[in-house]
């Protein structure tokens, strides 16, 4: 029996803060900045989009049904956001 690995929006937000602290402390070399910055930007956009979706979901738990990932994130590659880890 395998346990499903879970990753929360707060975990991703924490990773963004870790990147920011690492840059501020000089732990990232200049040649690494572009790739790390691009990753940070994608994570930040994902967190913001997810928070926006969560704000539109009724607090009483009612829903108009499950939406597919493409409708939630039209500019993203759904196959990369819908994978199990582990």
PDB file of N, CA and C in Angstrom:
ATOM      1  N   UNK A   1       0.842  -1.178   0.000  1.00  0.00           N
ATOM      2  CA  UNK A   1       0.000   0.000   0.000  1.00  0.00           C
ATOM      3  C   UNK A   1       0.891   1.246   0.000  1.00  0.00           C
ATOM      4  N   UNK A   2       0.624   2.143  -0.941  1.00  0.00           N
ATOM      5  CA  UNK A   2       1.423   3.356  -1.017  1.00  0.00           C
ATOM      6  C   UNK A   2       0.624   4.534  -0.494  1.00  0.00           C
ATOM      7  N   UNK A   3       1.315   5.425   0.176  1.00  0.00           N
ATOM      8  CA  UNK A   3       0.698   6.648   0.670  1.00  0.00           C
ATOM      9  C   UNK A   3       0.801   7.711  -0.399  1.00  0.00           C
ATOM     10  N   UNK A   4      -0.283   8.439  -0.610  1.00  0.00           N
ATOM     11  CA  UNK A   4      -0.276   9.530  -1.566  1.00  0.00           C
ATOM     12  C   UNK A   4       0.444  10.727  -0.968  1.00  0.00           C
ATOM     13  N   UNK A   5       1.359  11.277  -1.694  1.00  0.00           N
ATOM     14  CA  UNK A   5       2.075  12.463  -1.241  1.00  0.00           C
ATOM     15  C   UNK A   5       1.198  13.676  -1.532  1.00  0.00           C
ATOM     16  N   UNK A   6       1.067  14.550  -0.554  1.00  0.00           N
ATOM     17  CA  UNK A   6       0.235  15.732  -0.723  1.00  0.00           C
ATOM     18  C   UNK A   6       1.091  16.985  -0.652  1.00  0.00           C
ATOM     19  N   UNK A   7       0.692  17.961  -1.438  1.00  0.00           N
ATOM     20  CA  UNK A   7       1.376  19.248  -1.480  1.00  0.00           C
ATOM     21  C   UNK A   7       0.302  20.326  -1.433  1.00  0.00           C
ATOM     22  N   UNK A   8       0.388  21.203  -0.451  1.00  0.00           N
ATOM     23  CA  UNK A   8      -0.631  22.243  -0.300  1.00  0.00           C
ATOM     24  C   UNK A   8      -0.179  23.546  -0.951  1.00  0.00           C
ATOM     25  N   UNK A   9      -1.127  24.438  -1.123  1.00  0.00           N
ATOM     26  CA  UNK A   9      -0.813  25.772  -1.638  1.00  0.00           C
ATOM     27  C   UNK A   9       0.125  26.479  -0.678  1.00  0.00           C
ATOM     28  N   UNK A  10      -0.060  26.266   0.617  1.00  0.00           N
ATOM     29  CA  UNK A  10       0.829  26.871   1.620  1.00  0.00           C
ATOM     30  C   UNK A  10       2.258  26.349   1.462  1.00  0.00           C
ATOM     31  N   UNK A  11       2.420  25.078   1.105  1.00  0.00           N
ATOM     32  CA  UNK A  11       3.759  24.526   0.866  1.00  0.00           C
ATOM     33  C   UNK A  11       4.433  25.253  -0.296  1.00  0.00           C
ATOM     34  N   UNK A  12       3.676  25.502  -1.350  1.00  0.00           N
ATOM     35  CA  UNK A  12       4.228  26.205  -2.509  1.00  0.00           C
ATOM     36  C   UNK A  12       4.558  27.645  -2.146  1.00  0.00           C
ATOM     37  N   UNK A  13       3.683  28.300  -1.387  1.00  0.00           N
ATOM     38  CA  UNK A  13       3.953  29.675  -0.945  1.00  0.00           C
ATOM     39  C   UNK A  13       5.212  29.719  -0.076  1.00  0.00           C
ATOM     40  N   UNK A  14       5.404  28.700   0.750  1.00  0.00           N
ATOM     41  CA  UNK A  14       6.616  28.628   1.577  1.00  0.00           C
ATOM     42  C   UNK A  14       7.858  28.463   0.713  1.00  0.00           C
ATOM     43  N   UNK A  15       7.760  27.674  -0.340  1.00  0.00           N
ATOM     44  CA  UNK A  15       8.897  27.501  -1.252  1.00  0.00           C
ATOM     45  C   UNK A  15       9.262  28.821  -1.929  1.00  0.00           C
ATOM     46  N   UNK A  16       8.270  29.621  -2.257  1.00  0.00           N
ATOM     47  CA  UNK A  16       8.521  30.949  -2.840  1.00  0.00           C
ATOM     48  C   UNK A  16       9.298  31.806  -1.839  1.00  0.00           C
ATOM     49  N   UNK A  17       8.890  31.764  -0.572  1.00  0.00           N
ATOM     50  CA  UNK A  17       9.600  32.526   0.461  1.00  0.00           C
ATOM     51  C   UNK A  17      11.038  32.021   0.626  1.00  0.00           C
ATOM     52  N   UNK A  18      11.244  30.730   0.528  1.00  0.00           N
ATOM     53  CA  UNK A  18      12.599  30.163   0.631  1.00  0.00           C
ATOM     54  C   UNK A  18      13.463  30.661  -0.519  1.00  0.00           C
ATOM     55  N   UNK A  19      12.908  30.705  -1.718  1.00  0.00           N
ATOM     56  CA  UNK A  19      13.655  31.232  -2.870  1.00  0.00           C
ATOM     57  C   UNK A  19      14.029  32.686  -2.613  1.00  0.00           C
ATOM     58  N   UNK A  20      13.065  33.482  -2.145  1.00  0.00           N
ATOM     59  CA  UNK A  20      13.332  34.901  -1.880  1.00  0.00           C
ATOM     60  C   UNK A  20      14.439  35.081  -0.837  1.00  0.00           C
ATOM     61  N   UNK A  21      14.379  34.297   0.231  1.00  0.00           N
ATOM     62  CA  UNK A  21      15.422  34.374   1.268  1.00  0.00           C
ATOM     63  C   UNK A  21      16.783  33.935   0.730  1.00  0.00           C
ATOM     64  N   UNK A  22      16.789  32.895  -0.085  1.00  0.00           N
ATOM     65  CA  UNK A  22      18.046  32.400  -0.656  1.00  0.00           C
ATOM     66  C   UNK A  22      18.691  33.452  -1.547  1.00  0.00           C
ATOM     67  N   UNK A  23      17.873  34.124  -2.345  1.00  0.00           N
ATOM     68  CA  UNK A  23      18.396  35.184  -3.221  1.00  0.00           C
ATOM     69  C   UNK A  23      18.929  36.335  -2.375  1.00  0.00           C
ATOM     70  N   UNK A  24      18.163  36.736  -1.369  1.00  0.00           N
ATOM     71  CA  UNK A  24      18.574  37.856  -0.511  1.00  0.00           C
ATOM     72  C   UNK A  24      19.884  37.560   0.208  1.00  0.00           C
ATOM     73  N   UNK A  25      20.119  36.300   0.533  1.00  0.00           N
ATOM     74  CA  UNK A  25      21.340  35.919   1.255  1.00  0.00           C
ATOM     75  C   UNK A  25      22.490  35.535   0.326  1.00  0.00           C
ATOM     76  N   UNK A  26      22.257  35.634  -0.973  1.00  0.00           N
ATOM     77  CA  UNK A  26      23.319  35.351  -1.929  1.00  0.00           C
ATOM     78  C   UNK A  26      23.607  33.880  -2.140  1.00  0.00           C
ATOM     79  N   UNK A  27      22.648  33.023  -1.859  1.00  0.00           N
ATOM     80  CA  UNK A  27      22.870  31.584  -1.981  1.00  0.00           C
ATOM     81  C   UNK A  27      22.697  31.070  -3.407  1.00  0.00           C
ATOM     82  N   UNK A  28      22.224  31.912  -4.305  1.00  0.00           N
ATOM     83  CA  UNK A  28      21.990  31.503  -5.684  1.00  0.00           C
ATOM     84  C   UNK A  28      22.949  32.266  -6.591  1.00  0.00           C
ATOM     85  N   UNK A  29      23.655  31.517  -7.434  1.00  0.00           N
ATOM     86  CA  UNK A  29      24.614  32.134  -8.354  1.00  0.00           C
ATOM     87  C   UNK A  29      23.887  32.809  -9.509  1.00  0.00           C
ATOM     88  N   UNK A  30      24.525  33.792 -10.081  1.00  0.00           N
ATOM     89  CA  UNK A  30      23.940  34.561 -11.167  1.00  0.00           C
ATOM     90  C   UNK A  30      23.442  33.723 -12.325  1.00  0.00           C
ATOM     91  N   UNK A  31      24.212  32.721 -12.717  1.00  0.00           N
ATOM     92  CA  UNK A  31      23.817  31.879 -13.860  1.00  0.00           C
ATOM     93  C   UNK A  31      22.606  30.996 -13.543  1.00  0.00           C
ATOM     94  N   UNK A  32      22.256  30.890 -12.270  1.00  0.00           N
ATOM     95  CA  UNK A  32      21.092  30.096 -11.860  1.00  0.00           C
ATOM     96  C   UNK A  32      19.827  30.958 -11.726  1.00  0.00           C
ATOM     97  N   UNK A  33      20.001  32.262 -11.690  1.00  0.00           N
ATOM     98  CA  UNK A  33      18.893  33.172 -11.408  1.00  0.00           C
ATOM     99  C   UNK A  33      17.732  33.061 -12.393  1.00  0.00           C
ATOM    100  N   UNK A  34      18.022  32.933 -13.681  1.00  0.00           N
ATOM    101  CA  UNK A  34      16.947  32.899 -14.670  1.00  0.00           C
ATOM    102  C   UNK A  34      16.035  31.702 -14.456  1.00  0.00           C
ATOM    103  N   UNK A  35      16.620  30.527 -14.322  1.00  0.00           N
ATOM    104  CA  UNK A  35      15.818  29.316 -14.157  1.00  0.00           C
ATOM    105  C   UNK A  35      15.037  29.334 -12.840  1.00  0.00           C
ATOM    106  N   UNK A  36      15.679  29.741 -11.787  1.00  0.00           N
ATOM    107  CA  UNK A  36      15.020  29.785 -10.485  1.00  0.00           C
ATOM    108  C   UNK A  36      13.941  30.861 -10.484  1.00  0.00           C
ATOM    109  N   UNK A  37      14.221  31.996 -11.099  1.00  0.00           N
ATOM    110  CA  UNK A  37      13.228  33.060 -11.195  1.00  0.00           C
ATOM    111  C   UNK A  37      12.006  32.637 -11.997  1.00  0.00           C
ATOM    112  N   UNK A  38      12.228  31.897 -13.072  1.00  0.00           N
ATOM    113  CA  UNK A  38      11.111  31.409 -13.884  1.00  0.00           C
ATOM    114  C   UNK A  38      10.268  30.416 -13.092  1.00  0.00           C
ATOM    115  N   UNK A  39      10.908  29.537 -12.349  1.00  0.00           N
ATOM    116  CA  UNK A  39      10.191  28.586 -11.503  1.00  0.00           C
ATOM    117  C   UNK A  39       9.395  29.324 -10.430  1.00  0.00           C
ATOM    118  N   UNK A  40      10.025  30.311  -9.802  1.00  0.00           N
ATOM    119  CA  UNK A  40       9.353  31.097  -8.759  1.00  0.00           C
ATOM    120  C   UNK A  40       8.120  31.786  -9.326  1.00  0.00           C
ATOM    121  N   UNK A  41       8.240  32.356 -10.515  1.00  0.00           N
ATOM    122  CA  UNK A  41       7.122  33.053 -11.136  1.00  0.00           C
ATOM    123  C   UNK A  41       5.967  32.091 -11.420  1.00  0.00           C
ATOM    124  N   UNK A  42       6.271  30.893 -11.939  1.00  0.00           N
ATOM    125  CA  UNK A  42       5.213  29.917 -12.210  1.00  0.00           C
ATOM    126  C   UNK A  42       4.515  29.491 -10.920  1.00  0.00           C
ATOM    127  N   UNK A  43       5.293  29.290  -9.863  1.00  0.00           N
ATOM    128  CA  UNK A  43       4.693  28.906  -8.587  1.00  0.00           C
ATOM    129  C   UNK A  43       3.806  30.031  -8.052  1.00  0.00           C
ATOM    130  N   UNK A  44       4.286  31.258  -8.145  1.00  0.00           N
ATOM    131  CA  UNK A  44       3.513  32.393  -7.650  1.00  0.00           C
ATOM    132  C   UNK A  44       2.210  32.548  -8.427  1.00  0.00           C
ATOM    133  N   UNK A  45       2.263  32.391  -9.741  1.00  0.00           N
ATOM    134  CA  UNK A  45       1.058  32.485 -10.558  1.00  0.00           C
ATOM    135  C   UNK A  45       0.076  31.371 -10.199  1.00  0.00           C
ATOM    136  N   UNK A  46       0.591  30.170  -9.944  1.00  0.00           N
ATOM    137  CA  UNK A  46      -0.254  29.045  -9.545  1.00  0.00           C
ATOM    138  C   UNK A  46      -0.938  29.322  -8.213  1.00  0.00           C
ATOM    139  N   UNK A  47      -0.191  29.828  -7.242  1.00  0.00           N
ATOM    140  CA  UNK A  47      -0.760  30.141  -5.929  1.00  0.00           C
ATOM    141  C   UNK A  47      -1.846  31.205  -6.069  1.00  0.00           C
ATOM    142  N   UNK A  48      -1.569  32.265  -6.818  1.00  0.00           N
ATOM    143  CA  UNK A  48      -2.555  33.337  -6.991  1.00  0.00           C
ATOM    144  C   UNK A  48      -3.810  32.832  -7.695  1.00  0.00           C
ATOM    145  N   UNK A  49      -3.645  32.025  -8.735  1.00  0.00           N
ATOM    146  CA  UNK A  49      -4.797  31.491  -9.461  1.00  0.00           C
ATOM    147  C   UNK A  49      -5.620  30.570  -8.568  1.00  0.00           C
ATOM    148  N   UNK A  50      -4.944  29.763  -7.777  1.00  0.00           N
ATOM    149  CA  UNK A  50      -5.651  28.853  -6.874  1.00  0.00           C
ATOM    150  C   UNK A  50      -6.398  29.620  -5.801  1.00  0.00           C
ATOM    151  N   UNK A  51      -5.770  30.645  -5.251  1.00  0.00           N
ATOM    152  CA  UNK A  51      -6.439  31.466  -4.235  1.00  0.00           C
ATOM    153  C   UNK A  51      -7.661  32.160  -4.827  1.00  0.00           C
ATOM    154  N   UNK A  52      -7.553  32.615  -6.065  1.00  0.00           N
ATOM    155  CA  UNK A  52      -8.678  33.269  -6.728  1.00  0.00           C
ATOM    156  C   UNK A  52      -9.833  32.284  -6.898  1.00  0.00           C
ATOM    157  N   UNK A  53      -9.532  31.067  -7.267  1.00  0.00           N
ATOM    158  CA  UNK A  53     -10.561  30.035  -7.422  1.00  0.00           C
ATOM    159  C   UNK A  53     -11.203  29.733  -6.073  1.00  0.00           C
ATOM    160  N   UNK A  54     -10.383  29.616  -5.037  1.00  0.00           N
ATOM    161  CA  UNK A  54     -10.906  29.313  -3.709  1.00  0.00           C
ATOM    162  C   UNK A  54     -11.829  30.418  -3.208  1.00  0.00           C
ATOM    163  N   UNK A  55     -11.572  31.655  -3.605  1.00  0.00           N
ATOM    164  CA  UNK A  55     -12.425  32.774  -3.197  1.00  0.00           C
ATOM    165  C   UNK A  55     -13.795  32.700  -3.849  1.00  0.00           C
ATOM    166  N   UNK A  56     -13.889  32.071  -5.025  1.00  0.00           N
ATOM    167  CA  UNK A  56     -15.159  31.999  -5.741  1.00  0.00           C
ATOM    168  C   UNK A  56     -15.983  30.775  -5.356  1.00  0.00           C
ATOM    169  N   UNK A  57     -15.398  29.826  -4.640  1.00  0.00           N
ATOM    170  CA  UNK A  57     -16.122  28.633  -4.215  1.00  0.00           C
ATOM    171  C   UNK A  57     -17.000  28.992  -3.023  1.00  0.00           C
ATOM    172  N   UNK A  58     -18.280  28.619  -3.066  1.00  0.00           N
ATOM    173  CA  UNK A  58     -19.168  28.934  -1.934  1.00  0.00           C
ATOM    174  C   UNK A  58     -18.660  28.316  -0.635  1.00  0.00           C
ATOM    175  N   UNK A  59     -18.792  29.043   0.462  1.00  0.00           N
ATOM    176  CA  UNK A  59     -18.315  28.576   1.758  1.00  0.00           C
ATOM    177  C   UNK A  59     -19.145  27.436   2.325  1.00  0.00           C
ATOM    178  N   UNK A  60     -20.382  27.259   1.824  1.00  0.00           N
ATOM    179  CA  UNK A  60     -21.237  26.207   2.350  1.00  0.00           C
ATOM    180  C   UNK A  60     -20.915  24.831   1.776  1.00  0.00           C
ATOM    181  N   UNK A  61     -19.910  24.792   0.902  1.00  0.00           N
ATOM    182  CA  UNK A  61     -19.489  23.508   0.347  1.00  0.00           C
ATOM    183  C   UNK A  61     -20.243  23.111  -0.902  1.00  0.00           C
ATOM    184  N   UNK A  62     -21.273  23.875  -1.282  1.00  0.00           N
ATOM    185  CA  UNK A  62     -21.990  23.528  -2.497  1.00  0.00           C
ATOM    186  C   UNK A  62     -21.123  23.847  -3.700  1.00  0.00           C
ATOM    187  N   UNK A  63     -21.374  23.133  -4.765  1.00  0.00           N
ATOM    188  CA  UNK A  63     -20.547  23.286  -5.950  1.00  0.00           C
ATOM    189  C   UNK A  63     -21.394  23.052  -7.183  1.00  0.00           C
ATOM    190  N   UNK A  64     -20.984  23.634  -8.275  1.00  0.00           N
ATOM    191  CA  UNK A  64     -21.688  23.383  -9.528  1.00  0.00           C
ATOM    192  C   UNK A  64     -21.047  22.233 -10.284  1.00  0.00           C
ATOM    193  N   UNK A  65     -20.336  21.383  -9.575  1.00  0.00           N
ATOM    194  CA  UNK A  65     -19.711  20.230 -10.205  1.00  0.00           C
ATOM    195  C   UNK A  65     -18.226  20.426 -10.329  1.00  0.00           C
ATOM    196  N   UNK A  66     -17.549  19.355 -10.631  1.00  0.00           N
ATOM    197  CA  UNK A  66     -16.101  19.417 -10.788  1.00  0.00           C
ATOM    198  C   UNK A  66     -15.757  20.051 -12.123  1.00  0.00           C
ATOM    199  N   UNK A  67     -14.786  20.937 -12.088  1.00  0.00           N
ATOM    200  CA  UNK A  67     -14.294  21.561 -13.311  1.00  0.00           C
ATOM    201  C   UNK A  67     -13.006  20.877 -13.704  1.00  0.00           C
ATOM    202  N   UNK A  68     -12.776  20.777 -14.999  1.00  0.00           N
ATOM    203  CA  UNK A  68     -11.517  20.179 -15.417  1.00  0.00           C
ATOM    204  C   UNK A  68     -10.403  21.200 -15.272  1.00  0.00           C
ATOM    205  N   UNK A  69      -9.190  20.712 -15.179  1.00  0.00           N
ATOM    206  CA  UNK A  69      -8.034  21.564 -14.901  1.00  0.00           C
ATOM    207  C   UNK A  69      -7.801  22.600 -15.999  1.00  0.00           C
ATOM    208  N   UNK A  70      -8.151  22.275 -17.239  1.00  0.00           N
ATOM    209  CA  UNK A  70      -7.941  23.223 -18.331  1.00  0.00           C
ATOM    210  C   UNK A  70      -8.801  24.473 -18.144  1.00  0.00           C
ATOM    211  N   UNK A  71     -10.035  24.316 -17.603  1.00  0.00           N
ATOM    212  CA  UNK A  71     -10.883  25.480 -17.415  1.00  0.00           C
ATOM    213  C   UNK A  71     -10.407  26.347 -16.254  1.00  0.00           C
ATOM    214  N   UNK A  72      -9.702  25.750 -15.296  1.00  0.00           N
ATOM    215  CA  UNK A  72      -9.201  26.507 -14.153  1.00  0.00           C
ATOM    216  C   UNK A  72      -7.921  27.250 -14.482  1.00  0.00           C
ATOM    217  N   UNK A  73      -7.068  26.639 -15.305  1.00  0.00           N
ATOM    218  CA  UNK A  73      -5.773  27.203 -15.657  1.00  0.00           C
ATOM    219  C   UNK A  73      -5.605  27.139 -17.171  1.00  0.00           C
ATOM    220  N   UNK A  74      -6.281  28.004 -17.930  1.00  0.00           N
ATOM    221  CA  UNK A  74      -6.267  27.905 -19.385  1.00  0.00           C
ATOM    222  C   UNK A  74      -4.901  28.117 -20.025  1.00  0.00           C
ATOM    223  N   UNK A  75      -3.987  28.808 -19.366  1.00  0.00           N
ATOM    224  CA  UNK A  75      -2.678  29.082 -19.945  1.00  0.00           C
ATOM    225  C   UNK A  75      -1.623  28.065 -19.546  1.00  0.00           C
ATOM    226  N   UNK A  76      -2.022  27.028 -18.815  1.00  0.00           N
ATOM    227  CA  UNK A  76      -1.040  26.058 -18.337  1.00  0.00           C
ATOM    228  C   UNK A  76      -1.186  24.747 -19.067  1.00  0.00           C
ATOM    229  N   UNK A  77      -0.173  23.913 -18.942  1.00  0.00           N
ATOM    230  CA  UNK A  77      -0.192  22.556 -19.455  1.00  0.00           C
ATOM    231  C   UNK A  77      -0.795  21.674 -18.384  1.00  0.00           C
ATOM    232  N   UNK A  78      -2.043  21.243 -18.568  1.00  0.00           N
ATOM    233  CA  UNK A  78      -2.760  20.499 -17.536  1.00  0.00           C
ATOM    234  C   UNK A  78      -2.044  19.210 -17.153  1.00  0.00           C
ATOM    235  N   UNK A  79      -1.354  18.616 -18.086  1.00  0.00           N
ATOM    236  CA  UNK A  79      -0.702  17.350 -17.783  1.00  0.00           C
ATOM    237  C   UNK A  79       0.392  17.526 -16.739  1.00  0.00           C
ATOM    238  N   UNK A  80       0.971  18.714 -16.631  1.00  0.00           N
ATOM    239  CA  UNK A  80       2.036  18.917 -15.656  1.00  0.00           C
ATOM    240  C   UNK A  80       1.506  19.259 -14.270  1.00  0.00           C
ATOM    241  N   UNK A  81       0.216  19.625 -14.161  1.00  0.00           N
ATOM    242  CA  UNK A  81      -0.322  19.985 -12.851  1.00  0.00           C
ATOM    243  C   UNK A  81      -1.194  18.895 -12.263  1.00  0.00           C
ATOM    244  N   UNK A  82      -1.397  17.818 -12.993  1.00  0.00           N
ATOM    245  CA  UNK A  82      -2.333  16.795 -12.554  1.00  0.00           C
ATOM    246  C   UNK A  82      -1.643  15.434 -12.398  1.00  0.00           C
ATOM    247  N   UNK A  83      -0.455  15.433 -11.809  1.00  0.00           N
ATOM    248  CA  UNK A  83       0.295  14.196 -11.639  1.00  0.00           C
ATOM    249  C   UNK A  83       0.443  13.870 -10.177  1.00  0.00           C
ATOM    250  N   UNK A  84       0.379  12.590  -9.860  1.00  0.00           N
ATOM    251  CA  UNK A  84       0.668  12.139  -8.517  1.00  0.00           C
ATOM    252  C   UNK A  84       2.179  12.036  -8.349  1.00  0.00           C
ATOM    253  N   UNK A  85       2.646  12.347  -7.181  1.00  0.00           N
ATOM    254  CA  UNK A  85       4.069  12.247  -6.881  1.00  0.00           C
ATOM    255  C   UNK A  85       4.259  11.001  -6.046  1.00  0.00           C
ATOM    256  N   UNK A  86       5.193  10.165  -6.460  1.00  0.00           N
ATOM    257  CA  UNK A  86       5.475   9.004  -5.639  1.00  0.00           C
ATOM    258  C   UNK A  86       5.052   7.729  -6.187  1.00  0.00           C
TER     259      UNK A  86
END
